[in-house]
Amino acid sequence: MKRPLFEAFPGLGEHIPSLALAKLPTPIEPLPELAPNLWIKRDDKTNTLYGGNKVRKLEFILADVIKSKKKKLVSFGAIGTNHGVATAIYALQMGITLKLLLFKQPVTNHVQQNIKLMHRFNAKLHYQGSLFRTALNFYIGKLFKSQSNYYLFAGGSNILGCIAFVNAAFELKQQIDDGTLPEPDYIYCPVGSSSTLAGLSLGCALAGLKSQLVGIRVAPSHIGPIPACTRGTVHKLRQNCFKYLCQMEASFKDIELPEIQLQDDYFGRGYGHATNEGRWAEQMFEQTQIQLEPTYTAKTAAAALNCCANQSDKKVLYWHTFNSADVKELAAKADMASIPKELRRFLQTQPL
């Protein structure tokens, strides 16, 4: 599969392995029913089995796991993690064993469905309780346990996950050049583990786009005293990715990168908690037959809609990261009785 980043800089493709998991480019559509200055990037359609933004990252990450010859992939996330579902599905296809450390979040039908999907696709689920304990056990394992494991940060957020969205920005540049849409003034995306915003911000700068990236924070800014989702964490990942690419492409070194734009005011009560503005965005998007969910996309879509209303002369692109493939039948095949008892016990105490 041709990738716009590698077409522009062939030398990169010689050093960065990848798999063809995603159906690219994903479509871009205007949304005149909602606002005359709004477009949507349909990353919900990256794959007909299970889409969303994680599939882009896994093209590069799973290729690196295979290259490393590691026996097991270890990652973490909330109990309803979309990253966990996508990784379970595509790791199984590649013959890679997946272990997931999970922390609690508000339980919804979507969260329950994701648990079933992760279990259905053979992920080894280990419920840890709090986010702090989950992250601590992940890093203890990374530092002191088997070196035969490949450790992947939550959300697939590492340099390779970031490169996936550098490539996505070059894909967007091609769609702009083809006349699919005018160059946006603003691009809105959710920010949890940082790589989507970091990669798009870096990619737009490398591709020569002037669009301003606006990230909407949907995850806790800190885990205890440790920064987890801040301008600093996004900047650090972007810089590490930039340095990595500069080692292979000297022409990148003279490019000036823009400041990171991260909005905090759509976060609400916490990770996974619905907000009134998010519910409003979900109702608005129902007019277009596009489904949002409360954790990531509803909050981000609300911010994009408000921007459209407040700056009607600006062109706004909302980057939709949620899977739209119907997975109800797949989830129904999961045997909840065989899910680890610690996780089942937690679910039984949580009303929908």
Protein backbone atom coordinates (compact mmCIF):
# COMPACT_ATOMS: atom_id res chain seq x y z
CA MET A 1 0.00 0.00 0.00
CA LYS A 2 1.31 3.44 -0.93
CA ARG A 3 1.68 5.87 1.95
CA PRO A 4 1.82 9.61 1.26
CA LEU A 5 4.67 10.18 3.75
CA PHE A 6 6.79 7.53 2.06
CA GLU A 7 5.86 8.80 -1.39
CA ALA A 8 7.12 12.25 -0.42
CA PHE A 9 10.22 10.87 1.32
CA PRO A 10 11.03 7.38 -0.03
CA GLY A 11 14.00 6.97 2.29
CA LEU A 12 11.72 6.80 5.30
CA GLY A 13 9.87 3.80 3.91
CA GLU A 14 13.14 1.88 3.73
CA HIS A 15 13.63 2.18 7.49
CA ILE A 16 10.11 2.17 8.97
CA PRO A 17 8.21 -1.14 8.66
CA SER A 18 4.44 -1.14 8.30
CA LEU A 19 1.47 -3.41 7.66
CA ALA A 20 -1.54 -2.85 5.40
CA LEU A 21 -4.34 -2.91 7.98
CA ALA A 22 -6.21 0.28 7.14
CA LYS A 23 -8.26 1.20 4.09
CA LEU A 24 -6.75 4.56 3.18
CA PRO A 25 -7.32 7.35 2.46
CA THR A 26 -10.33 7.69 4.74
CA PRO A 27 -13.12 9.85 3.29
CA ILE A 28 -13.65 13.53 3.99
CA GLU A 29 -17.22 14.83 3.90
CA PRO A 30 -18.83 18.25 4.37
CA LEU A 31 -21.48 18.48 7.07
CA PRO A 32 -23.76 21.30 5.87
CA GLU A 33 -26.62 19.97 8.03
CA LEU A 34 -24.61 21.01 11.08
CA ALA A 35 -22.58 24.00 9.85
CA PRO A 36 -21.68 25.38 6.41
CA ASN A 37 -18.00 25.59 7.42
CA LEU A 38 -17.61 22.07 8.89
CA TRP A 39 -15.99 18.96 7.39
CA ILE A 40 -15.33 15.54 8.90
CA LYS A 41 -12.39 13.16 8.39
CA ARG A 42 -13.92 9.67 8.58
CA ASP A 43 -11.26 7.67 10.42
CA ASP A 44 -14.16 5.61 11.72
CA LYS A 45 -13.83 3.84 8.36
CA THR A 46 -10.20 2.73 8.52
CA ASN A 47 -11.33 -0.90 8.41
CA THR A 48 -14.66 -2.65 7.84
CA LEU A 49 -14.01 -5.15 10.67
CA TYR A 50 -13.06 -2.51 13.27
CA GLY A 51 -12.16 1.06 12.38
CA GLY A 52 -11.09 4.16 14.26
CA ASN A 53 -7.81 5.98 14.66
CA LYS A 54 -6.05 3.08 16.43
CA VAL A 55 -5.86 1.06 13.21
CA ARG A 56 -3.52 3.65 11.68
CA LYS A 57 -1.17 3.31 14.65
CA LEU A 58 -1.26 -0.48 14.66
CA GLU A 59 -0.05 -0.60 11.04
CA PHE A 60 3.32 0.62 12.30
CA ILE A 61 3.31 -0.74 15.86
CA LEU A 62 2.45 -4.35 15.03
CA ALA A 63 5.01 -4.32 12.22
CA ASP A 64 7.59 -3.29 14.82
CA VAL A 65 6.44 -6.05 17.21
CA ILE A 66 6.94 -8.61 14.43
CA LYS A 67 10.33 -7.12 13.56
CA SER A 68 11.42 -7.24 17.22
CA LYS A 69 10.46 -10.94 17.47
CA LYS A 70 8.89 -10.31 20.89
CA LYS A 71 6.58 -13.07 22.13
CA LYS A 72 3.94 -10.95 23.87
CA LEU A 73 2.51 -7.43 23.59
CA VAL A 74 1.66 -5.72 26.90
CA SER A 75 -0.40 -2.53 27.06
CA PHE A 76 -2.95 -0.80 29.29
CA GLY A 77 -6.07 1.33 29.22
CA ALA A 78 -9.50 1.82 30.75
CA ILE A 79 -11.88 -1.14 30.91
CA GLY A 80 -13.67 0.19 27.82
CA THR A 81 -10.51 1.04 25.89
CA ASN A 82 -10.95 1.27 22.12
CA HIS A 83 -7.19 0.86 21.85
CA GLY A 84 -7.51 -2.47 23.63
CA VAL A 85 -10.22 -3.68 21.26
CA ALA A 86 -8.35 -2.68 18.11
CA THR A 87 -5.07 -4.14 19.38
CA ALA A 88 -6.76 -7.41 20.39
CA ILE A 89 -8.37 -7.82 16.96
CA TYR A 90 -5.31 -7.07 14.84
CA ALA A 91 -2.72 -8.65 17.16
CA LEU A 92 -4.66 -11.90 16.94
CA GLN A 93 -4.55 -11.68 13.14
CA MET A 94 -0.76 -11.37 13.34
CA GLY A 95 -0.41 -14.25 15.83
CA ILE A 96 0.66 -11.91 18.65
CA THR A 97 -0.41 -12.60 22.26
CA LEU A 98 -1.87 -9.53 24.00
CA LYS A 99 -1.97 -8.76 27.73
CA LEU A 100 -4.01 -5.73 28.85
CA LEU A 101 -3.88 -4.04 32.24
CA LEU A 102 -7.18 -2.24 32.84
CA PHE A 103 -8.36 0.57 35.11
CA LYS A 104 -11.91 1.55 36.02
CA GLN A 105 -14.12 4.04 34.20
CA PRO A 106 -17.89 4.71 34.19
CA VAL A 107 -19.64 1.61 32.87
CA THR A 108 -21.86 2.06 29.80
CA ASN A 109 -23.23 -0.35 27.20
CA HIS A 110 -20.30 0.64 24.98
CA VAL A 111 -17.80 -0.18 27.75
CA GLN A 112 -19.42 -3.59 28.32
CA GLN A 113 -19.33 -4.27 24.59
CA ASN A 114 -15.63 -3.42 24.42
CA ILE A 115 -14.85 -5.77 27.31
CA LYS A 116 -16.65 -8.56 25.46
CA LEU A 117 -14.72 -7.79 22.27
CA MET A 118 -11.33 -7.80 23.98
CA HIS A 119 -12.16 -11.12 25.60
CA ARG A 120 -13.63 -12.48 22.36
CA PHE A 121 -10.33 -11.77 20.56
CA ASN A 122 -8.21 -13.55 23.16
CA ALA A 123 -6.74 -10.57 25.04
CA LYS A 124 -5.57 -11.52 28.52
CA LEU A 125 -7.44 -9.01 30.73
CA HIS A 126 -6.01 -7.99 34.11
CA TYR A 127 -8.16 -5.55 36.09
CA GLN A 128 -6.01 -3.29 38.28
CA GLY A 129 -8.53 -0.85 39.75
CA SER A 130 -7.12 2.67 39.70
CA LEU A 131 -5.30 4.36 36.84
CA PHE A 132 -2.30 4.96 39.11
CA ARG A 133 -1.98 1.28 40.04
CA THR A 134 -2.44 0.24 36.40
CA ALA A 135 0.29 2.58 35.15
CA LEU A 136 2.59 1.61 38.03
CA ASN A 137 2.28 -2.11 37.28
CA PHE A 138 2.82 -1.45 33.58
CA TYR A 139 6.10 0.38 34.24
CA ILE A 140 7.26 -2.15 36.85
CA GLY A 141 6.74 -4.85 34.28
CA LYS A 142 8.56 -2.84 31.63
CA LEU A 143 11.54 -2.24 33.92
CA PHE A 144 11.90 -5.54 35.73
CA LYS A 145 10.01 -8.34 34.02
CA SER A 146 10.55 -10.44 30.90
CA GLN A 147 12.52 -8.77 28.12
CA SER A 148 10.67 -11.00 25.66
CA ASN A 149 7.61 -8.73 26.02
CA TYR A 150 6.89 -5.67 23.88
CA TYR A 151 5.54 -2.85 26.07
CA LEU A 152 3.14 -0.41 24.42
CA PHE A 153 1.89 2.75 26.13
CA ALA A 154 -1.87 3.30 26.43
CA GLY A 155 -3.59 4.34 23.22
CA GLY A 156 -0.73 3.04 21.08
CA SER A 157 1.05 6.27 21.92
CA ASN A 158 4.71 5.97 21.01
CA ILE A 159 6.93 7.25 18.21
CA LEU A 160 5.49 4.78 15.69
CA GLY A 161 1.91 5.66 16.64
CA CYS A 162 2.88 9.30 16.15
CA ILE A 163 4.38 8.54 12.72
CA ALA A 164 1.04 7.02 11.70
CA PHE A 165 -0.53 10.45 12.09
CA VAL A 166 2.36 12.22 10.41
CA ASN A 167 1.41 10.03 7.47
CA ALA A 168 -2.27 10.92 8.02
CA ALA A 169 -1.40 14.61 7.67
CA PHE A 170 0.32 13.92 4.34
CA GLU A 171 -2.82 12.00 3.33
CA LEU A 172 -4.87 15.09 4.18
CA LYS A 173 -2.50 17.24 2.12
CA GLN A 174 -3.15 15.02 -0.91
CA GLN A 175 -6.91 15.32 -0.40
CA ILE A 176 -6.62 19.11 -0.20
CA ASP A 177 -4.50 19.17 -3.37
CA ASP A 178 -7.08 16.93 -5.10
CA GLY A 179 -9.85 19.39 -4.25
CA THR A 180 -11.65 17.13 -1.78
CA LEU A 181 -11.81 20.04 0.67
CA PRO A 182 -10.23 23.48 1.09
CA GLU A 183 -7.32 23.73 3.49
CA PRO A 184 -8.88 23.95 6.97
CA ASP A 185 -8.17 26.85 9.29
CA TYR A 186 -8.67 24.53 12.26
CA ILE A 187 -8.45 20.77 12.75
CA TYR A 188 -10.03 19.35 15.92
CA CYS A 189 -9.05 15.99 17.40
CA PRO A 190 -9.41 14.30 20.81
CA VAL A 191 -6.33 13.95 23.01
CA GLY A 192 -5.92 11.09 25.44
CA SER A 193 -2.47 9.55 25.08
CA SER A 194 -1.15 12.36 22.83
CA SER A 195 -0.03 10.65 19.62
CA THR A 196 -2.91 11.74 17.36
CA LEU A 197 -2.40 15.44 18.11
CA ALA A 198 1.39 15.12 18.19
CA GLY A 199 1.50 13.32 14.83
CA LEU A 200 -1.00 15.56 13.05
CA SER A 201 0.70 18.70 14.33
CA LEU A 202 4.09 17.46 13.19
CA GLY A 203 2.76 16.09 9.91
CA CYS A 204 0.95 19.28 8.93
CA ALA A 205 4.15 21.27 9.52
CA LEU A 206 6.23 18.81 7.46
CA ALA A 207 3.62 18.74 4.67
CA GLY A 208 3.46 22.55 4.49
CA LEU A 209 -0.11 22.90 5.74
CA LYS A 210 -1.01 26.04 7.69
CA SER A 211 -3.98 24.48 9.49
CA GLN A 212 -4.02 25.02 13.24
CA LEU A 213 -4.37 21.78 15.20
CA VAL A 214 -6.61 22.01 18.25
CA GLY A 215 -6.57 19.09 20.68
CA ILE A 216 -9.43 18.51 23.12
CA ARG A 217 -8.21 16.92 26.34
CA VAL A 218 -10.36 13.91 27.29
CA ALA A 219 -8.01 12.18 29.76
CA PRO A 220 -6.61 13.20 33.18
CA SER A 221 -3.85 15.76 32.87
CA HIS A 222 -1.77 13.99 35.56
CA ILE A 223 -1.45 10.55 37.17
CA GLY A 224 -0.63 11.65 40.69
CA PRO A 225 2.23 14.12 40.22
CA ILE A 226 3.18 12.72 36.81
CA PRO A 227 2.03 14.64 33.69
CA ALA A 228 -0.10 12.38 31.48
CA CYS A 229 -2.08 14.57 29.07
CA THR A 230 -0.67 18.08 28.92
CA ARG A 231 0.86 20.39 26.37
CA GLY A 232 4.20 19.18 27.68
CA THR A 233 3.47 15.49 27.11
CA VAL A 234 2.24 16.18 23.57
CA HIS A 235 5.27 18.38 22.88
CA LYS A 236 7.68 15.74 24.20
CA LEU A 237 6.22 12.98 22.04
CA ARG A 238 6.21 15.26 18.98
CA GLN A 239 9.85 16.24 19.57
CA ASN A 240 10.93 12.61 20.02
CA CYS A 241 9.14 11.66 16.81
CA PHE A 242 10.64 14.65 14.98
CA LYS A 243 14.18 13.72 16.09
CA TYR A 244 13.59 10.14 14.99
CA LEU A 245 12.46 11.24 11.51
CA CYS A 246 15.30 13.78 11.22
CA GLN A 247 17.81 10.99 11.63
CA MET A 248 16.53 9.57 8.33
CA GLU A 249 15.52 12.75 6.49
CA ALA A 250 17.90 15.71 6.84
CA SER A 251 15.56 18.19 5.11
CA PHE A 252 13.20 18.09 8.11
CA LYS A 253 15.69 19.71 10.48
CA ASP A 254 15.08 23.30 9.37
CA ILE A 255 11.29 23.18 9.83
CA GLU A 256 9.82 25.26 12.64
CA LEU A 257 7.02 23.54 14.54
CA PRO A 258 3.95 25.39 15.86
CA GLU A 259 2.95 25.60 19.51
CA ILE A 260 0.76 22.79 20.84
CA GLN A 261 -2.89 23.84 21.25
CA LEU A 262 -4.66 21.78 23.91
CA GLN A 263 -8.05 22.80 25.31
CA ASP A 264 -9.03 21.66 28.81
CA ASP A 265 -12.54 23.07 29.13
CA TYR A 266 -14.45 20.14 27.55
CA PHE A 267 -13.09 17.47 29.94
CA GLY A 268 -15.97 17.62 32.42
CA ARG A 269 -15.99 15.47 35.59
CA GLY A 270 -13.43 12.99 34.35
CA TYR A 271 -12.40 10.34 31.87
CA GLY A 272 -15.42 8.55 30.44
CA HIS A 273 -17.91 10.90 32.08
CA ALA A 274 -20.47 12.39 29.70
CA THR A 275 -20.92 16.17 29.53
CA ASN A 276 -23.93 18.27 28.60
CA GLU A 277 -22.09 19.71 25.61
CA GLY A 278 -21.10 16.21 24.54
CA ARG A 279 -24.71 15.03 24.71
CA TRP A 280 -25.71 18.03 22.60
CA ALA A 281 -23.04 17.12 20.00
CA GLU A 282 -24.27 13.51 19.94
CA GLN A 283 -27.80 14.72 19.22
CA MET A 284 -26.55 17.06 16.50
CA PHE A 285 -24.53 14.33 14.79
CA GLU A 286 -27.49 11.95 14.84
CA GLN A 287 -28.84 14.10 11.98
CA THR A 288 -25.92 12.89 9.84
CA GLN A 289 -26.14 9.21 10.88
CA ILE A 290 -22.68 9.52 12.47
CA GLN A 291 -22.35 8.01 15.94
CA LEU A 292 -20.33 9.70 18.67
CA GLU A 293 -19.43 8.31 22.11
CA PRO A 294 -19.10 10.30 25.35
CA THR A 295 -15.45 9.70 26.20
CA TYR A 296 -13.59 11.08 23.16
CA THR A 297 -15.61 12.08 20.15
CA ALA A 298 -18.65 13.82 21.65
CA LYS A 299 -16.46 16.26 23.59
CA THR A 300 -14.30 16.97 20.55
CA ALA A 301 -17.26 17.34 18.19
CA ALA A 302 -18.83 19.82 20.61
CA ALA A 303 -15.68 21.93 20.49
CA ALA A 304 -15.63 21.82 16.68
CA LEU A 305 -19.30 22.82 16.46
CA ASN A 306 -18.74 25.74 18.83
CA CYS A 307 -15.80 26.89 16.73
CA CYS A 308 -17.96 26.78 13.61
CA ALA A 309 -20.60 28.92 15.31
CA ASN A 310 -18.18 31.41 16.84
CA GLN A 311 -15.94 31.75 13.77
CA SER A 312 -18.26 31.33 10.83
CA ASP A 313 -15.64 32.67 8.42
CA LYS A 314 -13.19 29.85 9.29
CA LYS A 315 -13.08 26.35 7.79
CA VAL A 316 -13.15 23.60 10.43
CA LEU A 317 -12.23 19.92 10.06
CA TYR A 318 -13.35 17.52 12.79
CA TRP A 319 -11.16 14.37 12.85
CA HIS A 320 -13.51 11.51 13.77
CA THR A 321 -11.63 8.75 15.60
CA PHE A 322 -14.44 6.38 16.64
CA ASN A 323 -15.07 2.98 15.06
CA SER A 324 -18.31 2.81 13.04
CA ALA A 325 -18.18 -0.87 12.02
CA ASP A 326 -21.01 -2.91 13.54
CA VAL A 327 -19.43 -5.21 16.14
CA LYS A 328 -22.54 -6.24 18.07
CA GLU A 329 -22.57 -9.78 16.69
CA LEU A 330 -18.87 -10.22 17.43
CA ALA A 331 -19.36 -9.03 21.00
CA ALA A 332 -22.36 -11.31 21.46
CA LYS A 333 -20.13 -14.33 20.87
CA ALA A 334 -18.06 -13.57 23.97
CA ASP A 335 -18.59 -15.68 27.07
CA MET A 336 -18.89 -13.20 29.96
CA ALA A 337 -18.74 -16.05 32.47
CA SER A 338 -15.10 -16.69 31.56
CA ILE A 339 -14.00 -13.05 31.96
CA PRO A 340 -11.57 -12.71 34.92
CA LYS A 341 -13.48 -12.64 38.20
CA GLU A 342 -11.96 -9.34 39.42
CA LEU A 343 -13.33 -7.56 36.36
CA ARG A 344 -16.71 -9.32 36.55
CA ARG A 345 -16.97 -8.39 40.23
CA PHE A 346 -16.36 -4.72 39.43
CA LEU A 347 -18.92 -4.71 36.61
CA GLN A 348 -21.57 -6.25 38.88
CA THR A 349 -21.25 -3.30 41.28
CA GLN A 350 -21.68 -0.65 38.57
CA PRO A 351 -25.14 0.38 37.35
CA LEU A 352 -25.49 1.20 33.65
